Amino acid sequence: MTETFHQFVVHRSPALSRAAYLLTGDHQLAEDLLQNALARTYRHWRRIHGGDPEAYVRRVMYHQQVSWWRRRRFAERLESQPTDRAGDDHSDATALRLSLAVALRQLTPRQRAVVVLRFYEDLTESQVAEVLGCSVGTVKRHSHDAVRRLRAIAPDLVDRTAQRSPR
């Protein structure tokens, strides 16, 4: 049991860590969220390892993030980014990443979870509904509200992503 769990953690932690960061907007909180989710997963490993353990971990992360947000609505701060090597100019990519992080922080936890699952994890509406334990209609509503809010908060994101995507 321990070896299969260890292999799962080694192979899937990078992707799970990225999802946790998108949910929290903070590297330390993302690490805490992922660690908590993996600890809960380990307790039930015998039951879930035959199915889809990654979906289980993601579900735990999404629910835990909403729970944390409800318990303590602390002021979120913009994390300082490490500087790149001299001569490298990643200012556009960094500005886009920071704009996205700020915009995501202004969404409700449910909206943020829907946006991450739909557009980052590329899940269908029914898969998102299953992960979050709600109806497809609720997912559609949160997705619509989140996209509308993101367009109002950061219209430059829409312009930048449209420029980057191939047509």
Protein backbone atom coordinates (compact mmCIF):
# COMPACT_ATOMS: atom_id res chain seq x y z
CA MET A 1 0.00 0.00 0.00
CA THR A 2 2.70 2.48 0.97
CA GLU A 3 4.73 1.91 -2.19
CA THR A 4 1.80 2.53 -4.55
CA PHE A 5 0.86 5.68 -2.64
CA HIS A 6 4.47 6.88 -2.76
CA GLN A 7 4.61 6.34 -6.53
CA PHE A 8 1.33 8.21 -6.95
CA VAL A 9 2.65 11.16 -4.94
CA VAL A 10 5.94 11.28 -6.84
CA HIS A 11 4.30 11.15 -10.26
CA ARG A 12 1.22 13.33 -9.72
CA SER A 13 2.41 15.97 -7.21
CA PRO A 14 3.61 18.51 -9.80
CA ALA A 15 0.22 18.66 -11.54
CA LEU A 16 -1.65 18.63 -8.24
CA SER A 17 0.60 21.38 -6.91
CA ARG A 18 -0.18 23.62 -9.89
CA ALA A 19 -3.90 23.12 -9.35
CA ALA A 20 -3.52 23.91 -5.65
CA TYR A 21 -1.66 27.11 -6.49
CA LEU A 22 -4.39 28.19 -8.87
CA LEU A 23 -6.96 27.61 -6.15
CA THR A 24 -5.10 29.49 -3.43
CA GLY A 25 -2.99 32.04 -5.29
CA ASP A 26 -0.20 31.51 -2.76
CA HIS A 27 2.66 29.01 -2.88
CA GLN A 28 2.71 28.25 0.84
CA LEU A 29 -1.05 27.86 1.07
CA ALA A 30 -0.95 25.63 -2.01
CA GLU A 31 1.64 23.40 -0.35
CA ASP A 32 -0.51 23.20 2.78
CA LEU A 33 -3.60 22.43 0.73
CA LEU A 34 -1.90 19.68 -1.24
CA GLN A 35 -0.28 18.17 1.84
CA ASN A 36 -3.61 18.12 3.65
CA ALA A 37 -5.32 16.51 0.64
CA LEU A 38 -2.60 13.87 0.32
CA ALA A 39 -2.82 13.07 4.04
CA ARG A 40 -6.56 12.53 3.72
CA THR A 41 -6.02 10.44 0.61
CA TYR A 42 -3.48 8.23 2.37
CA ARG A 43 -6.02 7.41 5.10
CA HIS A 44 -8.39 6.04 2.45
CA TRP A 45 -5.81 4.68 0.01
CA ARG A 46 -6.95 1.04 0.18
CA ARG A 47 -10.44 2.07 -0.84
CA ILE A 48 -9.56 4.54 -3.62
CA HIS A 49 -6.29 3.44 -5.26
CA GLY A 50 -8.08 1.03 -7.61
CA GLY A 51 -10.23 3.85 -8.97
CA ASP A 52 -9.10 7.38 -9.75
CA PRO A 53 -7.03 8.62 -6.81
CA GLU A 54 -6.11 11.88 -8.56
CA ALA A 55 -9.77 12.83 -8.87
CA TYR A 56 -10.17 12.07 -5.16
CA VAL A 57 -7.21 14.32 -4.24
CA ARG A 58 -8.55 17.13 -6.42
CA ARG A 59 -12.00 16.86 -4.89
CA VAL A 60 -10.49 17.03 -1.40
CA MET A 61 -8.44 20.09 -2.40
CA TYR A 62 -11.41 21.96 -3.86
CA HIS A 63 -13.62 21.26 -0.87
CA GLN A 64 -10.86 22.04 1.62
CA GLN A 65 -10.07 25.37 -0.06
CA VAL A 66 -13.71 26.45 0.14
CA SER A 67 -13.80 25.35 3.77
CA TRP A 68 -10.64 27.30 4.64
CA TRP A 69 -11.97 30.37 2.90
CA ARG A 70 -15.22 30.23 4.82
CA ARG A 71 -13.49 29.84 8.19
CA ARG A 72 -11.02 32.66 7.86
CA ARG A 73 -11.47 35.37 5.33
CA PHE A 74 -8.05 36.80 5.74
CA ALA A 75 -6.64 39.59 3.60
CA GLU A 76 -4.81 38.09 0.66
CA ARG A 77 -1.56 39.64 -0.40
CA LEU A 78 0.26 39.66 -3.64
CA GLU A 79 3.30 37.46 -3.31
CA SER A 80 6.57 38.93 -4.48
CA GLN A 81 7.98 37.11 -7.47
CA PRO A 82 11.64 36.11 -7.73
CA THR A 83 13.62 38.08 -10.26
CA ASP A 84 14.83 36.36 -13.41
CA ARG A 85 18.44 36.16 -14.52
CA ALA A 86 19.91 39.31 -15.98
CA GLY A 87 19.23 39.60 -19.70
CA ASP A 88 16.05 37.49 -19.66
CA ASP A 89 12.96 39.55 -20.32
CA HIS A 90 9.87 37.71 -19.20
CA SER A 91 7.99 40.85 -18.23
CA ASP A 92 4.95 40.16 -20.44
CA ALA A 93 4.55 36.61 -19.17
CA THR A 94 5.08 37.74 -15.58
CA ALA A 95 2.60 40.58 -15.94
CA LEU A 96 0.03 38.20 -17.39
CA ARG A 97 0.60 35.68 -14.59
CA LEU A 98 0.28 38.37 -11.92
CA SER A 99 -2.84 39.83 -13.52
CA LEU A 100 -4.41 36.40 -13.61
CA ALA A 101 -3.50 35.70 -9.98
CA VAL A 102 -4.99 39.01 -8.84
CA ALA A 103 -8.14 38.44 -10.90
CA LEU A 104 -8.61 34.88 -9.61
CA ARG A 105 -8.30 36.09 -6.02
CA GLN A 106 -11.29 38.36 -6.56
CA LEU A 107 -13.58 35.47 -7.45
CA THR A 108 -15.52 33.53 -4.84
CA PRO A 109 -13.98 30.17 -3.91
CA ARG A 110 -16.68 28.30 -5.85
CA GLN A 111 -16.18 30.47 -8.93
CA ARG A 112 -12.42 30.01 -8.70
CA ALA A 113 -12.82 26.25 -8.38
CA VAL A 114 -15.11 26.13 -11.42
CA VAL A 115 -12.72 28.26 -13.49
CA VAL A 116 -9.72 26.11 -12.53
CA LEU A 117 -11.56 22.86 -13.22
CA ARG A 118 -13.15 23.99 -16.49
CA PHE A 119 -10.37 26.00 -18.09
CA TYR A 120 -7.16 24.78 -16.46
CA GLU A 121 -8.02 21.14 -15.81
CA ASP A 122 -10.18 21.06 -18.98
CA LEU A 123 -13.00 19.10 -17.37
CA THR A 124 -16.51 19.02 -18.79
CA GLU A 125 -19.36 20.71 -16.94
CA SER A 126 -20.67 17.35 -15.76
CA GLN A 127 -17.22 16.33 -14.48
CA VAL A 128 -16.90 19.63 -12.61
CA ALA A 129 -20.35 19.10 -11.11
CA GLU A 130 -19.31 15.65 -9.93
CA VAL A 131 -16.06 16.91 -8.39
CA LEU A 132 -17.78 19.79 -6.59
CA GLY A 133 -20.86 17.80 -5.64
CA CYS A 134 -23.36 20.14 -7.28
CA SER A 135 -25.61 20.25 -10.34
CA VAL A 136 -24.49 21.01 -13.88
CA GLY A 137 -26.70 24.10 -13.79
CA THR A 138 -24.82 25.38 -10.76
CA VAL A 139 -21.52 24.84 -12.58
CA LYS A 140 -22.82 26.74 -15.61
CA ARG A 141 -23.99 29.60 -13.41
CA HIS A 142 -20.68 29.87 -11.52
CA SER A 143 -18.74 29.64 -14.79
CA HIS A 144 -20.83 32.35 -16.44
CA ASP A 145 -20.59 34.65 -13.41
CA ALA A 146 -16.84 34.06 -13.05
CA VAL A 147 -16.05 34.78 -16.70
CA ARG A 148 -18.21 37.90 -16.64
CA ARG A 149 -16.48 39.05 -13.47
CA LEU A 150 -13.01 38.31 -14.85
CA ARG A 151 -13.80 40.35 -17.96
CA ALA A 152 -14.87 43.26 -15.74
CA ILE A 153 -11.91 42.95 -13.35
CA ALA A 154 -9.17 42.41 -15.92
CA PRO A 155 -10.18 43.15 -19.49
CA ASP A 156 -6.50 43.16 -20.43
CA LEU A 157 -6.41 39.40 -19.75
CA VAL A 158 -8.95 38.79 -22.49
CA ASP A 159 -6.95 40.93 -24.92
CA ARG A 160 -3.65 39.26 -24.01
CA THR A 161 -4.93 35.71 -24.19
CA ALA A 162 -6.65 36.42 -27.50
CA GLN A 163 -3.34 37.68 -28.89
CA ARG A 164 -1.45 34.60 -27.69
CA SER A 165 -3.90 31.95 -28.89
CA PRO A 166 -3.43 30.70 -32.46
CA ARG A 167 -6.36 31.32 -34.76
